[in-house]
Amino acid sequence: MRVITFLTLIILGINVSVSETIYVAIGDTKPYVNIENNKLSVVNPGAIVEITESVASALKWDLQYQILPFTRQLKSLENGDSHMILALLKAPNRDLEYSKLALAASKLCIYKTESDTTIIRDTDDLMQKRLGIVNGYSYGKLDAYIDEYSETSKIVRVSGEDGKVFKKLSKLLVKGRIDLFVASQNIFDHFNLHNDFTSIVSAGCVDSLYAYAAFSKQHVSSKRWVNQFDNEMAKFQKTPEFQAILNKYNIQNWVLDKNESNLH
């Protein structure tokens, strides 16, 4: 009966809309993605989740979220178990389809204890320091430095669930087991609002980061999904609803790429 009804609607020229299911890998990266008790928050799911949901609604995508630690998110995307990840910095070693328009933008900053007089302007200022990083993360222009000294005591890696890695880094810093760590300003500032690490301050910001929707090349629709996403995202960024989402999550330093007007 359903088939007959569906065919009848087509014959009559009535527009029939069928949703497309997209499996999305996510982790707890407040204020962008907000996981509480192993579930995506219903009231405040996070800035990039709300932005993506608005874009997906226009495209009639049915988003199904898969909550995973960051390294497993990458593996799931590479294997094709997930269709999409929210959100990812572009890295040459990741063979993925990236959106042209960024889902998130932030400054990349170095953090220190309040008593430390260090000021970081570039990688030369890091040479005598032990730098804490999150395993698997990409850090823009710092990646070359991290790769060069990866096997030395200059680089200290932590792993774990996305929402807990900054607590690990903060504890290592306060205990003197690292001298500095690197993080997205928006993410760490949000973390520090809800945790008792007020003695940790910025030593300087060294780059602007752009994170993108990334799609698995294991799926034949990946290029189409990227093009559709970019077209709708470009429209949504011009709406009051887009700015309202940024305001809701107190994201104040969303900056466009100076050279390409946020088109990469």
Protein backbone atom coordinates (compact mmCIF):
# COMPACT_ATOMS: atom_id res chain seq x y z
CA MET A 1 0.00 0.00 0.00
CA ARG A 2 2.87 2.38 0.86
CA VAL A 3 4.48 1.74 -2.55
CA ILE A 4 1.23 2.42 -4.39
CA THR A 5 0.69 5.65 -2.44
CA PHE A 6 4.25 6.81 -3.07
CA LEU A 7 3.99 6.11 -6.82
CA THR A 8 0.63 7.85 -6.96
CA LEU A 9 2.14 10.99 -5.44
CA ILE A 10 4.91 10.97 -8.04
CA ILE A 11 2.41 10.52 -10.90
CA LEU A 12 0.32 13.40 -9.55
CA GLY A 13 3.41 15.61 -9.48
CA ILE A 14 3.39 16.08 -5.72
CA ASN A 15 6.85 16.74 -4.27
CA VAL A 16 7.94 13.84 -2.05
CA SER A 17 10.79 14.57 0.30
CA VAL A 18 12.89 11.70 1.66
CA SER A 19 15.37 12.35 4.47
CA GLU A 20 18.94 11.09 4.25
CA THR A 21 20.56 9.54 7.32
CA ILE A 22 24.04 10.83 8.16
CA TYR A 23 26.05 9.19 10.96
CA VAL A 24 28.07 11.85 12.77
CA ALA A 25 31.07 11.19 15.05
CA ILE A 26 31.33 13.63 17.96
CA GLY A 27 33.14 14.09 21.27
CA ASP A 28 32.84 16.45 24.22
CA THR A 29 34.45 19.74 23.15
CA LYS A 30 32.45 22.39 24.97
CA PRO A 31 31.25 24.95 23.94
CA TYR A 32 31.15 23.38 20.46
CA VAL A 33 29.81 19.94 21.40
CA ASN A 34 28.27 19.37 24.82
CA ILE A 35 28.18 15.78 26.11
CA GLU A 36 26.63 15.19 29.54
CA ASN A 37 26.45 11.71 31.11
CA ASN A 38 27.49 10.11 27.80
CA LYS A 39 24.62 11.80 25.96
CA LEU A 40 24.38 14.87 23.76
CA SER A 41 22.71 17.62 25.78
CA VAL A 42 19.20 18.32 24.54
CA VAL A 43 18.93 21.91 25.79
CA ASN A 44 22.49 23.07 25.07
CA PRO A 45 24.01 20.58 22.60
CA GLY A 46 26.83 22.94 21.60
CA ALA A 47 27.45 25.66 19.04
CA ILE A 48 28.56 23.55 16.08
CA VAL A 49 25.85 20.98 16.76
CA GLU A 50 23.16 23.66 16.61
CA ILE A 51 24.72 25.18 13.48
CA THR A 52 24.96 21.77 11.80
CA GLU A 53 21.42 20.84 12.80
CA SER A 54 20.13 24.03 11.16
CA VAL A 55 22.03 23.28 7.96
CA ALA A 56 20.95 19.63 8.05
CA SER A 57 17.30 20.59 8.50
CA ALA A 58 17.40 22.60 5.26
CA LEU A 59 19.01 19.63 3.50
CA LYS A 60 16.56 17.14 5.04
CA TRP A 61 19.41 15.20 6.63
CA ASP A 62 18.65 13.00 9.62
CA LEU A 63 21.74 13.26 11.83
CA GLN A 64 22.51 10.25 14.02
CA TYR A 65 25.28 10.99 16.55
CA GLN A 66 28.01 8.57 17.58
CA ILE A 67 29.82 9.67 20.77
CA LEU A 68 33.44 8.50 20.65
CA PRO A 69 36.89 9.48 21.98
CA PHE A 70 38.76 11.60 19.43
CA THR A 71 41.11 8.92 18.08
CA ARG A 72 38.15 6.55 17.61
CA GLN A 73 36.23 9.31 15.84
CA LEU A 74 39.03 9.51 13.29
CA LYS A 75 39.20 5.73 12.92
CA SER A 76 35.42 5.49 12.48
CA LEU A 77 35.53 8.14 9.75
CA GLU A 78 38.48 6.54 7.96
CA ASN A 79 36.77 3.13 8.04
CA GLY A 80 33.46 4.54 6.82
CA ASP A 81 31.56 3.57 9.98
CA SER A 82 30.77 7.28 10.39
CA HIS A 83 29.86 9.58 7.52
CA MET A 84 30.85 12.88 9.10
CA ILE A 85 32.80 14.36 12.03
CA LEU A 86 32.16 17.60 13.96
CA ALA A 87 34.60 19.26 13.57
CA LEU A 88 38.17 18.82 12.38
CA LEU A 89 41.23 20.88 11.53
CA LYS A 90 42.58 20.15 8.07
CA ALA A 91 45.69 17.98 8.15
CA PRO A 92 47.64 16.63 5.16
CA ASN A 93 47.79 13.11 6.62
CA ARG A 94 43.99 12.78 6.74
CA ASP A 95 42.38 11.63 3.49
CA LEU A 96 38.94 13.15 3.98
CA GLU A 97 36.47 15.42 2.21
CA TYR A 98 36.45 18.76 4.05
CA SER A 99 33.85 21.49 3.86
CA LYS A 100 35.12 24.78 2.44
CA LEU A 101 33.34 26.80 5.11
CA ALA A 102 34.53 26.51 8.69
CA LEU A 103 32.20 25.26 11.41
CA ALA A 104 34.32 26.72 14.20
CA ALA A 105 37.03 29.34 14.47
CA SER A 106 39.25 30.10 17.44
CA LYS A 107 42.68 31.29 18.47
CA LEU A 108 45.37 28.73 19.27
CA CYS A 109 46.93 29.69 22.59
CA ILE A 110 49.69 28.49 24.90
CA TYR A 111 48.86 28.22 28.60
CA LYS A 112 51.11 28.56 31.66
CA THR A 113 50.85 29.00 35.41
CA GLU A 114 50.20 32.53 36.63
CA SER A 115 53.60 32.75 38.33
CA ASP A 116 55.45 31.96 35.08
CA THR A 117 56.72 35.09 33.27
CA THR A 118 57.08 33.29 29.91
CA ILE A 119 55.63 35.00 26.83
CA ILE A 120 55.20 32.87 23.71
CA ARG A 121 55.34 34.58 20.32
CA ASP A 122 56.54 31.74 18.11
CA THR A 123 58.11 28.27 18.30
CA ASP A 124 61.55 29.66 19.22
CA ASP A 125 60.08 30.56 22.62
CA LEU A 126 59.14 26.90 23.18
CA MET A 127 62.62 25.44 22.78
CA GLN A 128 63.46 25.14 26.49
CA LYS A 129 59.95 24.11 27.53
CA ARG A 130 58.00 20.88 27.97
CA LEU A 131 54.81 21.31 25.95
CA GLY A 132 51.66 19.33 26.73
CA ILE A 133 49.42 18.29 23.83
CA VAL A 134 46.47 15.96 23.22
CA ASN A 135 47.29 12.80 21.29
CA GLY A 136 45.79 12.87 17.78
CA TYR A 137 44.94 16.58 17.77
CA SER A 138 46.18 18.90 15.03
CA TYR A 139 47.61 22.27 16.08
CA GLY A 140 47.91 24.27 12.87
CA LYS A 141 51.31 25.86 12.39
CA LEU A 142 52.62 24.20 15.59
CA ASP A 143 52.33 20.74 13.99
CA ALA A 144 55.76 21.00 12.33
CA TYR A 145 57.40 21.84 15.66
CA ILE A 146 55.52 19.04 17.45
CA ASP A 147 56.48 16.51 14.77
CA GLU A 148 60.15 17.54 14.92
CA TYR A 149 60.39 17.05 18.69
CA SER A 150 57.76 14.35 19.06
CA GLU A 151 60.17 11.75 20.42
CA THR A 152 61.86 14.08 22.90
CA SER A 153 61.03 15.34 26.38
CA LYS A 154 59.90 18.64 24.84
CA ILE A 155 56.55 17.06 23.88
CA VAL A 156 54.28 15.43 26.47
CA ARG A 157 51.14 13.74 25.13
CA VAL A 158 47.91 12.97 26.99
CA SER A 159 45.04 10.77 25.83
CA GLY A 160 41.49 10.14 26.96
CA GLU A 161 37.94 11.31 26.50
CA ASP A 162 37.73 14.73 24.92
CA GLY A 163 36.04 16.36 27.91
CA LYS A 164 38.73 15.17 30.34
CA VAL A 165 42.00 15.86 28.54
CA PHE A 166 42.16 19.52 29.63
CA LYS A 167 41.85 18.49 33.25
CA LYS A 168 44.79 16.13 32.71
CA LEU A 169 46.87 18.88 31.10
CA SER A 170 45.96 21.38 33.81
CA LYS A 171 46.96 18.99 36.58
CA LEU A 172 50.28 18.22 34.87
CA LEU A 173 50.95 21.96 34.56
CA VAL A 174 50.10 22.79 38.16
CA LYS A 175 52.24 19.88 39.42
CA GLY A 176 55.20 21.07 37.33
CA ARG A 177 55.36 18.00 35.11
CA ILE A 178 54.96 20.19 32.02
CA ASP A 179 55.81 23.86 31.53
CA LEU A 180 53.10 24.80 29.03
CA PHE A 181 50.23 23.30 27.07
CA VAL A 182 48.45 24.29 23.89
CA ALA A 183 44.69 24.56 23.35
CA SER A 184 41.90 26.28 21.45
CA GLN A 185 41.14 29.48 23.36
CA ASN A 186 37.36 29.03 23.18
CA ILE A 187 37.47 25.45 24.41
CA PHE A 188 39.95 26.00 27.26
CA ASP A 189 38.32 29.24 28.42
CA HIS A 190 34.97 27.44 28.61
CA PHE A 191 36.61 24.57 30.51
CA ASN A 192 38.24 26.97 32.96
CA LEU A 193 34.93 28.67 33.74
CA HIS A 194 33.70 25.39 35.22
CA ASN A 195 36.90 24.12 36.86
CA ASP A 196 39.17 25.35 39.64
CA PHE A 197 42.31 26.15 37.62
CA THR A 198 42.25 29.93 37.95
CA SER A 199 46.06 30.00 38.31
CA ILE A 200 46.39 29.00 34.63
CA VAL A 201 46.67 31.90 32.18
CA SER A 202 47.57 32.48 28.55
CA ALA A 203 51.24 32.88 27.61
CA GLY A 204 50.28 34.08 24.14
CA CYS A 205 48.30 33.05 21.08
CA VAL A 206 50.22 31.83 18.05
CA ASP A 207 47.66 31.02 15.34
CA SER A 208 44.01 31.12 14.28
CA LEU A 209 42.34 27.73 13.95
CA TYR A 210 39.53 26.72 11.63
CA ALA A 211 37.65 23.47 12.13
CA TYR A 212 35.54 21.97 9.36
CA ALA A 213 32.89 19.39 8.76
CA ALA A 214 34.77 16.38 7.38
CA PHE A 215 33.22 13.50 5.46
CA SER A 216 34.47 9.96 4.90
CA LYS A 217 35.68 9.16 1.39
CA GLN A 218 34.46 5.61 1.94
CA HIS A 219 31.00 6.80 0.87
CA VAL A 220 30.13 7.61 -2.75
CA SER A 221 28.01 10.55 -1.61
CA SER A 222 30.82 12.36 0.25
CA LYS A 223 31.52 14.99 -2.43
CA ARG A 224 27.81 15.68 -2.85
CA TRP A 225 27.38 16.01 0.91
CA VAL A 226 30.26 18.51 1.11
CA ASN A 227 28.85 20.65 -1.71
CA GLN A 228 25.37 20.61 -0.20
CA PHE A 229 26.71 21.45 3.24
CA ASP A 230 28.77 24.40 1.98
CA ASN A 231 25.87 25.85 -0.02
CA GLU A 232 23.50 25.78 2.95
CA MET A 233 26.18 26.89 5.42
CA ALA A 234 26.92 29.97 3.30
CA LYS A 235 23.24 30.91 3.50
CA PHE A 236 22.93 30.20 7.22
CA GLN A 237 25.98 32.30 8.18
CA LYS A 238 24.12 35.38 6.91
CA THR A 239 21.11 34.85 9.17
CA PRO A 240 20.36 36.29 12.64
CA GLU A 241 19.97 32.69 13.86
CA PHE A 242 23.67 32.02 13.20
CA GLN A 243 24.80 34.97 15.31
CA ALA A 244 22.27 34.03 18.01
CA ILE A 245 23.94 30.61 18.34
CA LEU A 246 27.38 32.21 18.75
CA ASN A 247 25.97 34.58 21.36
CA LYS A 248 24.25 31.75 23.22
CA TYR A 249 27.57 29.97 23.73
CA ASN A 250 29.55 33.18 24.27
CA ILE A 251 31.76 32.59 21.24
CA GLN A 252 33.16 36.06 20.69
CA ASN A 253 36.29 35.57 18.62
CA TRP A 254 34.85 33.92 15.53
CA VAL A 255 37.16 35.35 12.90
CA LEU A 256 37.12 34.97 9.13
CA ASP A 257 40.26 33.97 7.31
CA LYS A 258 41.85 37.24 6.20
CA ASN A 259 42.99 35.90 2.83
CA GLU A 260 40.01 33.88 1.70
CA SER A 261 37.03 35.24 3.63
CA ASN A 262 36.53 31.91 5.43
CA LEU A 263 36.68 29.96 2.14
CA HIS A 264 39.58 27.49 2.27
